[in-house]
Amino acid sequence: MAEGNLIQYAVEDGIARVVLADAARMNALSIDLQRELLAALDKVRADVSVRAVLMSATGKAFCVGADLASLGKAAPGETVGGQTERMMRALTNPIVQQIHDLPVPVVCAVQGPVAGAGVGLALAADVVVAARSAYFYLPFMPKLGLVPDAGSTWFTTRLLGKARATALALLGDRLGAEQAESWGLIASCVADDQLDDKALDMARRLAALPALGVQEIRRAFDAAQNNGLAAQLDHEARRQHELIDRDTFQEGVKAFFEKRPPRFPSR
């Protein structure tokens, strides 16, 4: 695995592994780490051999959020708040958007604390699998007088509902991995020693999907968030019209009758 200072990146068998590797600082989102992470995501987008992404982290924590040690050092003529907004618009927000919009499915494997902006970073993935030791923590308001960021308000509201999302943000309670699975925040909770194997297995399964498959699924479920039943039925009919006329569907039908797994092309 090729290593940067703070992000490790490698591609094998169509799976890009993106690893937060600043374990000494519990993978806090320093400016340098974010720059390296954004560069790694650009590599994923540009490499058509990549069919899935597995995002994970070294050490005892997935990510503890913002690098608070770097705050309070604004440039001359700029407030700390102004500097923070500029950094979010240049790095944090594009990272979350990139993960959410990548043309391939993303699995995120988390352990230990998933805190602050780390929550948004993890939930931007398509599938989140957590070690039993993991917990999700939004300390923004009760500890710092801030609102959750990195998309945390958007993801938690859609996954948990407004009542639970608001309570987590206001109270700052830790949501353990098992409860997060029960509430529907994440896809799976596993024993700590099974995290790597389970996440890699998920990534391999997702890598076998048709090209554009994850984008179609994202669009369908995003539409379902806002559509009434009639509008969603219309959406499904229009997408089936186009997708059934593609070679991908023909390969799926052929594989079904030949009793073998389908062989879908990559991007």
Foldseek 3Di string as FASTA:
>chain_A
DDDDPAWDWDDDQQEIEIEGEPQVQLSEDDLVNQVVLVVRLVVLQVDLSHAEYEYAYDYQWGYAYHPVVPAPDDDPPAHSVRVVVVSCVVTLQVLLVSQLPRQHAYEYETHAECEALSLLNRLSGPAYEYEQRYKYWYCCCVPPNHFGDSCLLVLCCVQQNDVVSVCRNHVRDIGTPVNCCVRRSHVYYDHPVCRVVVRVVVRVVRSQDARSPVVLVVVLVVCVVPDDPVVSVVVVVVVCVVVCPDVQVVQVVVCVVVVHDGRHDTD
